[in-house]
mmCIF file of all heavy atoms, coordinates in Angstrom:
data_MODEL
# 
_entry.id   MODEL 
# 
loop_
_atom_site.group_PDB 
_atom_site.id 
_atom_site.type_symbol 
_atom_site.label_atom_id 
_atom_site.label_alt_id 
_atom_site.label_comp_id 
_atom_site.label_asym_id 
_atom_site.label_entity_id 
_atom_site.label_seq_id 
_atom_site.pdbx_PDB_ins_code 
_atom_site.Cartn_x 
_atom_site.Cartn_y 
_atom_site.Cartn_z 
_atom_site.occupancy 
_atom_site.B_iso_or_equiv 
_atom_site.pdbx_formal_charge 
_atom_site.auth_seq_id 
_atom_site.auth_comp_id 
_atom_site.auth_asym_id 
_atom_site.auth_atom_id 
_atom_site.pdbx_PDB_model_num 
ATOM 1   N N   . TYR A 1 1  ? -88.890  -1.123 15.891  1.00 0.00 ? 1  TYR A N   1 
ATOM 2   C CA  . TYR A 1 1  ? -89.007  -2.329 16.715  1.00 0.00 ? 1  TYR A CA  1 
ATOM 3   C C   . TYR A 1 1  ? -88.422  -2.149 18.112  1.00 0.00 ? 1  TYR A C   1 
ATOM 4   O O   . TYR A 1 1  ? -88.877  -2.775 19.060  1.00 0.00 ? 1  TYR A O   1 
ATOM 5   C CB  . TYR A 1 1  ? -88.351  -3.523 16.021  1.00 0.00 ? 1  TYR A CB  1 
ATOM 6   C CG  . TYR A 1 1  ? -89.105  -3.974 14.809  1.00 0.00 ? 1  TYR A CG  1 
ATOM 7   C CD1 . TYR A 1 1  ? -88.507  -3.983 13.552  1.00 0.00 ? 1  TYR A CD1 1 
ATOM 8   C CD2 . TYR A 1 1  ? -90.437  -4.380 14.889  1.00 0.00 ? 1  TYR A CD2 1 
ATOM 9   C CE1 . TYR A 1 1  ? -89.201  -4.388 12.427  1.00 0.00 ? 1  TYR A CE1 1 
ATOM 10  C CE2 . TYR A 1 1  ? -91.143  -4.784 13.770  1.00 0.00 ? 1  TYR A CE2 1 
ATOM 11  C CZ  . TYR A 1 1  ? -90.507  -4.789 12.545  1.00 0.00 ? 1  TYR A CZ  1 
ATOM 12  O OH  . TYR A 1 1  ? -91.203  -5.181 11.437  1.00 0.00 ? 1  TYR A OH  1 
ATOM 13  N N   . GLN A 1 2  ? -87.426  -1.298 18.226  1.00 0.00 ? 2  GLN A N   1 
ATOM 14  C CA  . GLN A 1 2  ? -86.768  -1.097 19.519  1.00 0.00 ? 2  GLN A CA  1 
ATOM 15  C C   . GLN A 1 2  ? -87.565  -0.178 20.440  1.00 0.00 ? 2  GLN A C   1 
ATOM 16  O O   . GLN A 1 2  ? -87.656  -0.439 21.635  1.00 0.00 ? 2  GLN A O   1 
ATOM 17  C CB  . GLN A 1 2  ? -85.372  -0.507 19.300  1.00 0.00 ? 2  GLN A CB  1 
ATOM 18  C CG  . GLN A 1 2  ? -84.584  -0.279 20.579  1.00 0.00 ? 2  GLN A CG  1 
ATOM 19  C CD  . GLN A 1 2  ? -84.062  -1.564 21.185  1.00 0.00 ? 2  GLN A CD  1 
ATOM 20  O OE1 . GLN A 1 2  ? -83.529  -2.400 20.492  1.00 0.00 ? 2  GLN A OE1 1 
ATOM 21  N NE2 . GLN A 1 2  ? -84.214  -1.736 22.476  1.00 0.00 ? 2  GLN A NE2 1 
ATOM 22  N N   . PHE A 1 3  ? -88.155  0.890  19.886  1.00 0.00 ? 3  PHE A N   1 
ATOM 23  C CA  . PHE A 1 3  ? -88.697  1.934  20.747  1.00 0.00 ? 3  PHE A CA  1 
ATOM 24  C C   . PHE A 1 3  ? -90.192  2.214  20.597  1.00 0.00 ? 3  PHE A C   1 
ATOM 25  O O   . PHE A 1 3  ? -90.782  2.806  21.488  1.00 0.00 ? 3  PHE A O   1 
ATOM 26  C CB  . PHE A 1 3  ? -87.932  3.249  20.510  1.00 0.00 ? 3  PHE A CB  1 
ATOM 27  C CG  . PHE A 1 3  ? -86.474  3.137  20.814  1.00 0.00 ? 3  PHE A CG  1 
ATOM 28  C CD1 . PHE A 1 3  ? -85.540  3.171  19.792  1.00 0.00 ? 3  PHE A CD1 1 
ATOM 29  C CD2 . PHE A 1 3  ? -86.020  2.982  22.116  1.00 0.00 ? 3  PHE A CD2 1 
ATOM 30  C CE1 . PHE A 1 3  ? -84.183  3.061  20.064  1.00 0.00 ? 3  PHE A CE1 1 
ATOM 31  C CE2 . PHE A 1 3  ? -84.669  2.872  22.393  1.00 0.00 ? 3  PHE A CE2 1 
ATOM 32  C CZ  . PHE A 1 3  ? -83.741  2.914  21.366  1.00 0.00 ? 3  PHE A CZ  1 
ATOM 33  N N   . VAL A 1 4  ? -90.795  1.865  19.485  1.00 0.00 ? 4  VAL A N   1 
ATOM 34  C CA  . VAL A 1 4  ? -92.191  2.234  19.235  1.00 0.00 ? 4  VAL A CA  1 
ATOM 35  C C   . VAL A 1 4  ? -93.111  1.119  19.720  1.00 0.00 ? 4  VAL A C   1 
ATOM 36  O O   . VAL A 1 4  ? -92.897  -0.047 19.372  1.00 0.00 ? 4  VAL A O   1 
ATOM 37  C CB  . VAL A 1 4  ? -92.411  2.525  17.726  1.00 0.00 ? 4  VAL A CB  1 
ATOM 38  C CG1 . VAL A 1 4  ? -93.858  2.872  17.445  1.00 0.00 ? 4  VAL A CG1 1 
ATOM 39  C CG2 . VAL A 1 4  ? -91.487  3.656  17.268  1.00 0.00 ? 4  VAL A CG2 1 
ATOM 40  N N   . PRO A 1 5  ? -94.136  1.456  20.514  1.00 0.00 ? 5  PRO A N   1 
ATOM 41  C CA  . PRO A 1 5  ? -95.079  0.425  20.961  1.00 0.00 ? 5  PRO A CA  1 
ATOM 42  C C   . PRO A 1 5  ? -95.770  -0.234 19.760  1.00 0.00 ? 5  PRO A C   1 
ATOM 43  O O   . PRO A 1 5  ? -96.006  0.405  18.735  1.00 0.00 ? 5  PRO A O   1 
ATOM 44  C CB  . PRO A 1 5  ? -96.100  1.194  21.802  1.00 0.00 ? 5  PRO A CB  1 
ATOM 45  C CG  . PRO A 1 5  ? -95.481  2.514  22.093  1.00 0.00 ? 5  PRO A CG  1 
ATOM 46  C CD  . PRO A 1 5  ? -94.473  2.779  21.018  1.00 0.00 ? 5  PRO A CD  1 
ATOM 47  N N   . MET A 1 6  ? -96.095  -1.498 19.918  1.00 0.00 ? 6  MET A N   1 
ATOM 48  C CA  . MET A 1 6  ? -96.685  -2.293 18.838  1.00 0.00 ? 6  MET A CA  1 
ATOM 49  C C   . MET A 1 6  ? -97.846  -1.575 18.143  1.00 0.00 ? 6  MET A C   1 
ATOM 50  O O   . MET A 1 6  ? -97.916  -1.533 16.925  1.00 0.00 ? 6  MET A O   1 
ATOM 51  C CB  . MET A 1 6  ? -97.142  -3.645 19.403  1.00 0.00 ? 6  MET A CB  1 
ATOM 52  C CG  . MET A 1 6  ? -97.902  -4.501 18.433  1.00 0.00 ? 6  MET A CG  1 
ATOM 53  S SD  . MET A 1 6  ? -96.896  -4.967 17.025  1.00 0.00 ? 6  MET A SD  1 
ATOM 54  C CE  . MET A 1 6  ? -97.890  -6.256 16.368  1.00 0.00 ? 6  MET A CE  1 
ATOM 55  N N   . GLN A 1 7  ? -98.767  -1.016 18.909  1.00 0.00 ? 7  GLN A N   1 
ATOM 56  C CA  . GLN A 1 7  ? -99.955  -0.409 18.304  1.00 0.00 ? 7  GLN A CA  1 
ATOM 57  C C   . GLN A 1 7  ? -99.631  0.821  17.459  1.00 0.00 ? 7  GLN A C   1 
ATOM 58  O O   . GLN A 1 7  ? -100.431 1.211  16.611  1.00 0.00 ? 7  GLN A O   1 
ATOM 59  C CB  . GLN A 1 7  ? -100.996 -0.062 19.356  1.00 0.00 ? 7  GLN A CB  1 
ATOM 60  C CG  . GLN A 1 7  ? -100.631 1.149  20.221  1.00 0.00 ? 7  GLN A CG  1 
ATOM 61  C CD  . GLN A 1 7  ? -101.702 1.483  21.229  1.00 0.00 ? 7  GLN A CD  1 
ATOM 62  O OE1 . GLN A 1 7  ? -102.446 0.639  21.657  1.00 0.00 ? 7  GLN A OE1 1 
ATOM 63  N NE2 . GLN A 1 7  ? -101.777 2.736  21.606  1.00 0.00 ? 7  GLN A NE2 1 
ATOM 64  N N   . LEU A 1 8  ? -98.455  1.416  17.641  1.00 0.00 ? 8  LEU A N   1 
ATOM 65  C CA  . LEU A 1 8  ? -98.099  2.626  16.887  1.00 0.00 ? 8  LEU A CA  1 
ATOM 66  C C   . LEU A 1 8  ? -97.077  2.383  15.783  1.00 0.00 ? 8  LEU A C   1 
ATOM 67  O O   . LEU A 1 8  ? -96.681  3.310  15.085  1.00 0.00 ? 8  LEU A O   1 
ATOM 68  C CB  . LEU A 1 8  ? -97.569  3.703  17.851  1.00 0.00 ? 8  LEU A CB  1 
ATOM 69  C CG  . LEU A 1 8  ? -98.558  4.180  18.913  1.00 0.00 ? 8  LEU A CG  1 
ATOM 70  C CD1 . LEU A 1 8  ? -97.880  5.151  19.866  1.00 0.00 ? 8  LEU A CD1 1 
ATOM 71  C CD2 . LEU A 1 8  ? -99.790  4.814  18.273  1.00 0.00 ? 8  LEU A CD2 1 
ATOM 72  N N   . ARG A 1 9  ? -96.646  1.148  15.608  1.00 0.00 ? 9  ARG A N   1 
ATOM 73  C CA  . ARG A 1 9  ? -95.596  0.872  14.627  1.00 0.00 ? 9  ARG A CA  1 
ATOM 74  C C   . ARG A 1 9  ? -96.020  1.177  13.196  1.00 0.00 ? 9  ARG A C   1 
ATOM 75  O O   . ARG A 1 9  ? -95.229  1.709  12.418  1.00 0.00 ? 9  ARG A O   1 
ATOM 76  C CB  . ARG A 1 9  ? -95.131  -0.581 14.733  1.00 0.00 ? 9  ARG A CB  1 
ATOM 77  C CG  . ARG A 1 9  ? -94.304  -0.820 15.951  1.00 0.00 ? 9  ARG A CG  1 
ATOM 78  C CD  . ARG A 1 9  ? -93.793  -2.220 16.015  1.00 0.00 ? 9  ARG A CD  1 
ATOM 79  N NE  . ARG A 1 9  ? -93.165  -2.437 17.304  1.00 0.00 ? 9  ARG A NE  1 
ATOM 80  C CZ  . ARG A 1 9  ? -92.995  -3.611 17.840  1.00 0.00 ? 9  ARG A CZ  1 
ATOM 81  N NH1 . ARG A 1 9  ? -93.370  -4.709 17.190  1.00 0.00 ? 9  ARG A NH1 1 
ATOM 82  N NH2 . ARG A 1 9  ? -92.420  -3.729 19.009  1.00 0.00 ? 9  ARG A NH2 1 
ATOM 83  N N   . VAL A 1 10 ? -97.232  0.824  12.832  1.00 0.00 ? 10 VAL A N   1 
ATOM 84  C CA  . VAL A 1 10 ? -97.686  1.096  11.463  1.00 0.00 ? 10 VAL A CA  1 
ATOM 85  C C   . VAL A 1 10 ? -97.773  2.603  11.235  1.00 0.00 ? 10 VAL A C   1 
ATOM 86  O O   . VAL A 1 10 ? -97.334  3.110  10.206  1.00 0.00 ? 10 VAL A O   1 
ATOM 87  C CB  . VAL A 1 10 ? -99.026  0.387  11.168  1.00 0.00 ? 10 VAL A CB  1 
ATOM 88  C CG1 . VAL A 1 10 ? -99.578  0.810  9.812   1.00 0.00 ? 10 VAL A CG1 1 
ATOM 89  C CG2 . VAL A 1 10 ? -98.850  -1.125 11.227  1.00 0.00 ? 10 VAL A CG2 1 
ATOM 90  N N   . LEU A 1 11 ? -98.301  3.334  12.204  1.00 0.00 ? 11 LEU A N   1 
ATOM 91  C CA  . LEU A 1 11 ? -98.367  4.793  12.098  1.00 0.00 ? 11 LEU A CA  1 
ATOM 92  C C   . LEU A 1 11 ? -96.970  5.384  11.941  1.00 0.00 ? 11 LEU A C   1 
ATOM 93  O O   . LEU A 1 11 ? -96.745  6.235  11.075  1.00 0.00 ? 11 LEU A O   1 
ATOM 94  C CB  . LEU A 1 11 ? -99.052  5.393  13.329  1.00 0.00 ? 11 LEU A CB  1 
ATOM 95  C CG  . LEU A 1 11 ? -99.018  6.923  13.428  1.00 0.00 ? 11 LEU A CG  1 
ATOM 96  C CD1 . LEU A 1 11 ? -99.791  7.556  12.277  1.00 0.00 ? 11 LEU A CD1 1 
ATOM 97  C CD2 . LEU A 1 11 ? -99.566  7.380  14.778  1.00 0.00 ? 11 LEU A CD2 1 
ATOM 98  N N   . PHE A 1 12 ? -96.026  4.931  12.750  1.00 0.00 ? 12 PHE A N   1 
ATOM 99  C CA  . PHE A 1 12 ? -94.659  5.443  12.660  1.00 0.00 ? 12 PHE A CA  1 
ATOM 100 C C   . PHE A 1 12 ? -94.065  5.199  11.277  1.00 0.00 ? 12 PHE A C   1 
ATOM 101 O O   . PHE A 1 12 ? -93.537  6.113  10.639  1.00 0.00 ? 12 PHE A O   1 
ATOM 102 C CB  . PHE A 1 12 ? -93.782  4.792  13.746  1.00 0.00 ? 12 PHE A CB  1 
ATOM 103 C CG  . PHE A 1 12 ? -92.337  5.204  13.666  1.00 0.00 ? 12 PHE A CG  1 
ATOM 104 C CD1 . PHE A 1 12 ? -91.931  6.445  14.125  1.00 0.00 ? 12 PHE A CD1 1 
ATOM 105 C CD2 . PHE A 1 12 ? -91.382  4.351  13.129  1.00 0.00 ? 12 PHE A CD2 1 
ATOM 106 C CE1 . PHE A 1 12 ? -90.595  6.831  14.038  1.00 0.00 ? 12 PHE A CE1 1 
ATOM 107 C CE2 . PHE A 1 12 ? -90.049  4.721  13.036  1.00 0.00 ? 12 PHE A CE2 1 
ATOM 108 C CZ  . PHE A 1 12 ? -89.659  5.967  13.506  1.00 0.00 ? 12 PHE A CZ  1 
ATOM 109 N N   . MET A 1 13 ? -94.165  3.963  10.812  1.00 0.00 ? 13 MET A N   1 
ATOM 110 C CA  . MET A 1 13 ? -93.596  3.621  9.499   1.00 0.00 ? 13 MET A CA  1 
ATOM 111 C C   . MET A 1 13 ? -94.313  4.380  8.377   1.00 0.00 ? 13 MET A C   1 
ATOM 112 O O   . MET A 1 13 ? -93.670  4.836  7.426   1.00 0.00 ? 13 MET A O   1 
ATOM 113 C CB  . MET A 1 13 ? -93.663  2.119  9.256   1.00 0.00 ? 13 MET A CB  1 
ATOM 114 C CG  . MET A 1 13 ? -92.803  1.304  10.207  1.00 0.00 ? 13 MET A CG  1 
ATOM 115 S SD  . MET A 1 13 ? -91.041  1.644  10.102  1.00 0.00 ? 13 MET A SD  1 
ATOM 116 C CE  . MET A 1 13 ? -90.579  0.521  8.794   1.00 0.00 ? 13 MET A CE  1 
ATOM 117 N N   . ASN A 1 14 ? -95.640  4.521  8.471   1.00 0.00 ? 14 ASN A N   1 
ATOM 118 C CA  . ASN A 1 14 ? -96.379  5.250  7.441   1.00 0.00 ? 14 ASN A CA  1 
ATOM 119 C C   . ASN A 1 14 ? -96.028  6.736  7.443   1.00 0.00 ? 14 ASN A C   1 
ATOM 120 O O   . ASN A 1 14 ? -95.983  7.368  6.385   1.00 0.00 ? 14 ASN A O   1 
ATOM 121 C CB  . ASN A 1 14 ? -97.885  5.098  7.625   1.00 0.00 ? 14 ASN A CB  1 
ATOM 122 C CG  . ASN A 1 14 ? -98.420  3.739  7.231   1.00 0.00 ? 14 ASN A CG  1 
ATOM 123 O OD1 . ASN A 1 14 ? -99.553  3.404  7.550   1.00 0.00 ? 14 ASN A OD1 1 
ATOM 124 N ND2 . ASN A 1 14 ? -97.635  2.937  6.549   1.00 0.00 ? 14 ASN A ND2 1 
ATOM 125 N N   . THR A 1 15 ? -95.782  7.284  8.626   1.00 0.00 ? 15 THR A N   1 
ATOM 126 C CA  . THR A 1 15 ? -95.420  8.708  8.716   1.00 0.00 ? 15 THR A CA  1 
ATOM 127 C C   . THR A 1 15 ? -94.058  8.941  8.078   1.00 0.00 ? 15 THR A C   1 
ATOM 128 O O   . THR A 1 15 ? -93.891  9.856  7.257   1.00 0.00 ? 15 THR A O   1 
ATOM 129 C CB  . THR A 1 15 ? -95.435  9.167  10.186  1.00 0.00 ? 15 THR A CB  1 
ATOM 130 O OG1 . THR A 1 15 ? -96.748  8.936  10.721  1.00 0.00 ? 15 THR A OG1 1 
ATOM 131 C CG2 . THR A 1 15 ? -95.096  10.634 10.301  1.00 0.00 ? 15 THR A CG2 1 
ATOM 132 N N   . ILE A 1 16 ? -93.084  8.110  8.410   1.00 0.00 ? 16 ILE A N   1 
ATOM 133 C CA  . ILE A 1 16 ? -91.767  8.209  7.774   1.00 0.00 ? 16 ILE A CA  1 
ATOM 134 C C   . ILE A 1 16 ? -91.914  7.911  6.277   1.00 0.00 ? 16 ILE A C   1 
ATOM 135 O O   . ILE A 1 16 ? -91.237  8.505  5.435   1.00 0.00 ? 16 ILE A O   1 
ATOM 136 C CB  . ILE A 1 16 ? -90.760  7.230  8.423   1.00 0.00 ? 16 ILE A CB  1 
ATOM 137 C CG1 . ILE A 1 16 ? -90.606  7.499  9.919   1.00 0.00 ? 16 ILE A CG1 1 
ATOM 138 C CG2 . ILE A 1 16 ? -89.414  7.273  7.706   1.00 0.00 ? 16 ILE A CG2 1 
ATOM 139 C CD1 . ILE A 1 16 ? -90.068  8.855  10.280  1.00 0.00 ? 16 ILE A CD1 1 
ATOM 140 N N   . GLY A 1 17 ? -92.842  7.020  5.967   1.00 0.00 ? 17 GLY A N   1 
ATOM 141 C CA  . GLY A 1 17 ? -93.074  6.615  4.587   1.00 0.00 ? 17 GLY A CA  1 
ATOM 142 C C   . GLY A 1 17 ? -93.597  7.710  3.685   1.00 0.00 ? 17 GLY A C   1 
ATOM 143 O O   . GLY A 1 17 ? -93.538  7.575  2.456   1.00 0.00 ? 17 GLY A O   1 
ATOM 144 N N   . VAL A 1 18 ? -94.102  8.807  4.246   1.00 0.00 ? 18 VAL A N   1 
ATOM 145 C CA  . VAL A 1 18 ? -94.555  9.919  3.397   1.00 0.00 ? 18 VAL A CA  1 
ATOM 146 C C   . VAL A 1 18 ? -93.384  10.411 2.552   1.00 0.00 ? 18 VAL A C   1 
ATOM 147 O O   . VAL A 1 18 ? -93.499  10.554 1.334   1.00 0.00 ? 18 VAL A O   1 
ATOM 148 C CB  . VAL A 1 18 ? -95.174  11.061 4.237   1.00 0.00 ? 18 VAL A CB  1 
ATOM 149 C CG1 . VAL A 1 18 ? -95.399  12.308 3.386   1.00 0.00 ? 18 VAL A CG1 1 
ATOM 150 C CG2 . VAL A 1 18 ? -96.493  10.611 4.863   1.00 0.00 ? 18 VAL A CG2 1 
ATOM 151 N N   . GLY A 1 19 ? -92.249  10.626 3.186   1.00 0.00 ? 19 GLY A N   1 
ATOM 152 C CA  . GLY A 1 19 ? -91.064  11.078 2.441   1.00 0.00 ? 19 GLY A CA  1 
ATOM 153 C C   . GLY A 1 19 ? -90.570  10.026 1.464   1.00 0.00 ? 19 GLY A C   1 
ATOM 154 O O   . GLY A 1 19 ? -90.233  10.337 0.319   1.00 0.00 ? 19 GLY A O   1 
ATOM 155 N N   . TRP A 1 20 ? -90.563  8.771  1.895   1.00 0.00 ? 20 TRP A N   1 
ATOM 156 C CA  . TRP A 1 20 ? -90.145  7.685  1.018   1.00 0.00 ? 20 TRP A CA  1 
ATOM 157 C C   . TRP A 1 20 ? -91.114  7.551  -0.154  1.00 0.00 ? 20 TRP A C   1 
ATOM 158 O O   . TRP A 1 20 ? -90.705  7.302  -1.292  1.00 0.00 ? 20 TRP A O   1 
ATOM 159 C CB  . TRP A 1 20 ? -90.048  6.366  1.792   1.00 0.00 ? 20 TRP A CB  1 
ATOM 160 C CG  . TRP A 1 20 ? -89.605  5.242  0.917   1.00 0.00 ? 20 TRP A CG  1 
ATOM 161 C CD1 . TRP A 1 20 ? -90.374  4.236  0.424   1.00 0.00 ? 20 TRP A CD1 1 
ATOM 162 C CD2 . TRP A 1 20 ? -88.296  5.027  0.392   1.00 0.00 ? 20 TRP A CD2 1 
ATOM 163 N NE1 . TRP A 1 20 ? -89.623  3.403  -0.369  1.00 0.00 ? 20 TRP A NE1 1 
ATOM 164 C CE2 . TRP A 1 20 ? -88.337  3.863  -0.395  1.00 0.00 ? 20 TRP A CE2 1 
ATOM 165 C CE3 . TRP A 1 20 ? -87.088  5.698  0.527   1.00 0.00 ? 20 TRP A CE3 1 
ATOM 166 C CZ2 . TRP A 1 20 ? -87.222  3.363  -1.052  1.00 0.00 ? 20 TRP A CZ2 1 
ATOM 167 C CZ3 . TRP A 1 20 ? -85.978  5.192  -0.130  1.00 0.00 ? 20 TRP A CZ3 1 
ATOM 168 C CH2 . TRP A 1 20 ? -86.056  4.040  -0.908  1.00 0.00 ? 20 TRP A CH2 1 
ATOM 169 N N   . GLY A 1 21 ? -92.389  7.733  0.122   1.00 0.00 ? 21 GLY A N   1 
ATOM 170 C CA  . GLY A 1 21 ? -93.392  7.653  -0.938  1.00 0.00 ? 21 GLY A CA  1 
ATOM 171 C C   . GLY A 1 21 ? -93.197  8.726  -1.999  1.00 0.00 ? 21 GLY A C   1 
ATOM 172 O O   . GLY A 1 21 ? -93.395  8.483  -3.188  1.00 0.00 ? 21 GLY A O   1 
ATOM 173 N N   . VAL A 1 22 ? -92.781  9.914  -1.577  1.00 0.00 ? 22 VAL A N   1 
ATOM 174 C CA  . VAL A 1 22 ? -92.478  10.974 -2.542  1.00 0.00 ? 22 VAL A CA  1 
ATOM 175 C C   . VAL A 1 22 ? -91.320  10.511 -3.427  1.00 0.00 ? 22 VAL A C   1 
ATOM 176 O O   . VAL A 1 22 ? -91.387  10.605 -4.657  1.00 0.00 ? 22 VAL A O   1 
ATOM 177 C CB  . VAL A 1 22 ? -92.135  12.303 -1.828  1.00 0.00 ? 22 VAL A CB  1 
ATOM 178 C CG1 . VAL A 1 22 ? -91.593  13.328 -2.811  1.00 0.00 ? 22 VAL A CG1 1 
ATOM 179 C CG2 . VAL A 1 22 ? -93.363  12.852 -1.110  1.00 0.00 ? 22 VAL A CG2 1 
ATOM 180 N N   . PHE A 1 23 ? -90.277  9.982  -2.804  1.00 0.00 ? 23 PHE A N   1 
ATOM 181 C CA  . PHE A 1 23 ? -89.130  9.458  -3.560  1.00 0.00 ? 23 PHE A CA  1 
ATOM 182 C C   . PHE A 1 23 ? -89.582  8.366  -4.533  1.00 0.00 ? 23 PHE A C   1 
ATOM 183 O O   . PHE A 1 23 ? -89.226  8.386  -5.720  1.00 0.00 ? 23 PHE A O   1 
ATOM 184 C CB  . PHE A 1 23 ? -88.080  8.909  -2.583  1.00 0.00 ? 23 PHE A CB  1 
ATOM 185 C CG  . PHE A 1 23 ? -86.985  8.108  -3.238  1.00 0.00 ? 23 PHE A CG  1 
ATOM 186 C CD1 . PHE A 1 23 ? -85.944  8.740  -3.900  1.00 0.00 ? 23 PHE A CD1 1 
ATOM 187 C CD2 . PHE A 1 23 ? -86.999  6.717  -3.192  1.00 0.00 ? 23 PHE A CD2 1 
ATOM 188 C CE1 . PHE A 1 23 ? -84.930  8.003  -4.500  1.00 0.00 ? 23 PHE A CE1 1 
ATOM 189 C CE2 . PHE A 1 23 ? -85.998  5.972  -3.788  1.00 0.00 ? 23 PHE A CE2 1 
ATOM 190 C CZ  . PHE A 1 23 ? -84.961  6.611  -4.443  1.00 0.00 ? 23 PHE A CZ  1 
ATOM 191 N N   . LEU A 1 24 ? -90.371  7.400  -4.057  1.00 0.00 ? 24 LEU A N   1 
ATOM 192 C CA  . LEU A 1 24 ? -90.827  6.297  -4.905  1.00 0.00 ? 24 LEU A CA  1 
ATOM 193 C C   . LEU A 1 24 ? -91.685  6.794  -6.059  1.00 0.00 ? 24 LEU A C   1 
ATOM 194 O O   . LEU A 1 24 ? -91.539  6.335  -7.190  1.00 0.00 ? 24 LEU A O   1 
ATOM 195 C CB  . LEU A 1 24 ? -91.645  5.289  -4.085  1.00 0.00 ? 24 LEU A CB  1 
ATOM 196 C CG  . LEU A 1 24 ? -90.945  4.079  -3.544  1.00 0.00 ? 24 LEU A CG  1 
ATOM 197 C CD1 . LEU A 1 24 ? -91.944  3.146  -2.881  1.00 0.00 ? 24 LEU A CD1 1 
ATOM 198 C CD2 . LEU A 1 24 ? -90.123  3.354  -4.559  1.00 0.00 ? 24 LEU A CD2 1 
ATOM 199 N N   . ASN A 1 25 ? -92.592  7.709  -5.763  1.00 0.00 ? 25 ASN A N   1 
ATOM 200 C CA  . ASN A 1 25 ? -93.436  8.273  -6.816  1.00 0.00 ? 25 ASN A CA  1 
ATOM 201 C C   . ASN A 1 25 ? -92.590  8.917  -7.903  1.00 0.00 ? 25 ASN A C   1 
ATOM 202 O O   . ASN A 1 25 ? -92.852  8.751  -9.090  1.00 0.00 ? 25 ASN A O   1 
ATOM 203 C CB  . ASN A 1 25 ? -94.393  9.329  -6.239  1.00 0.00 ? 25 ASN A CB  1 
ATOM 204 C CG  . ASN A 1 25 ? -95.713  8.777  -5.817  1.00 0.00 ? 25 ASN A CG  1 
ATOM 205 O OD1 . ASN A 1 25 ? -96.555  8.476  -6.650  1.00 0.00 ? 25 ASN A OD1 1 
ATOM 206 N ND2 . ASN A 1 25 ? -95.903  8.618  -4.525  1.00 0.00 ? 25 ASN A ND2 1 
ATOM 207 N N   . MET A 1 26 ? -91.582  9.639  -7.477  1.00 0.00 ? 26 MET A N   1 
ATOM 208 C CA  . MET A 1 26 ? -90.745  10.335 -8.451  1.00 0.00 ? 26 MET A CA  1 
ATOM 209 C C   . MET A 1 26 ? -89.890  9.336  -9.242  1.00 0.00 ? 26 MET A C   1 
ATOM 210 O O   . MET A 1 26 ? -89.673  9.513  -10.437 1.00 0.00 ? 26 MET A O   1 
ATOM 211 C CB  . MET A 1 26 ? -89.913  11.403 -7.755  1.00 0.00 ? 26 MET A CB  1 
ATOM 212 C CG  . MET A 1 26 ? -90.825  12.506 -7.199  1.00 0.00 ? 26 MET A CG  1 
ATOM 213 S SD  . MET A 1 26 ? -90.017  13.709 -6.170  1.00 0.00 ? 26 MET A SD  1 
ATOM 214 C CE  . MET A 1 26 ? -89.207  14.708 -7.396  1.00 0.00 ? 26 MET A CE  1 
ATOM 215 N N   . LYS A 1 27 ? -89.429  8.266  -8.597  1.00 0.00 ? 27 LYS A N   1 
ATOM 216 C CA  . LYS A 1 27 ? -88.647  7.243  -9.297  1.00 0.00 ? 27 LYS A CA  1 
ATOM 217 C C   . LYS A 1 27 ? -89.537  6.385  -10.201 1.00 0.00 ? 27 LYS A C   1 
ATOM 218 O O   . LYS A 1 27 ? -89.072  5.886  -11.224 1.00 0.00 ? 27 LYS A O   1 
ATOM 219 C CB  . LYS A 1 27 ? -87.937  6.332  -8.287  1.00 0.00 ? 27 LYS A CB  1 
ATOM 220 C CG  . LYS A 1 27 ? -86.823  6.979  -7.518  1.00 0.00 ? 27 LYS A CG  1 
ATOM 221 C CD  . LYS A 1 27 ? -85.656  7.374  -8.389  1.00 0.00 ? 27 LYS A CD  1 
ATOM 222 C CE  . LYS A 1 27 ? -84.766  6.207  -8.667  1.00 0.00 ? 27 LYS A CE  1 
ATOM 223 N NZ  . LYS A 1 27 ? -83.570  6.500  -9.409  1.00 0.00 ? 27 LYS A NZ  1 
ATOM 224 N N   . ALA A 1 28 ? -90.791  6.211  -9.822  1.00 0.00 ? 28 ALA A N   1 
ATOM 225 C CA  . ALA A 1 28 ? -91.689  5.338  -10.580 1.00 0.00 ? 28 ALA A CA  1 
ATOM 226 C C   . ALA A 1 28 ? -92.200  6.006  -11.865 1.00 0.00 ? 28 ALA A C   1 
ATOM 227 O O   . ALA A 1 28 ? -92.599  5.315  -12.796 1.00 0.00 ? 28 ALA A O   1 
ATOM 228 C CB  . ALA A 1 28 ? -92.886  4.918  -9.730  1.00 0.00 ? 28 ALA A CB  1 
# 
């Protein structure tokens, strides 16, 4: 919210989310 332009926020969160998704998949 502080630094990423609005149009790129979903891409940024989804890119970081790749690692989180691996964690979630393994926990699930």
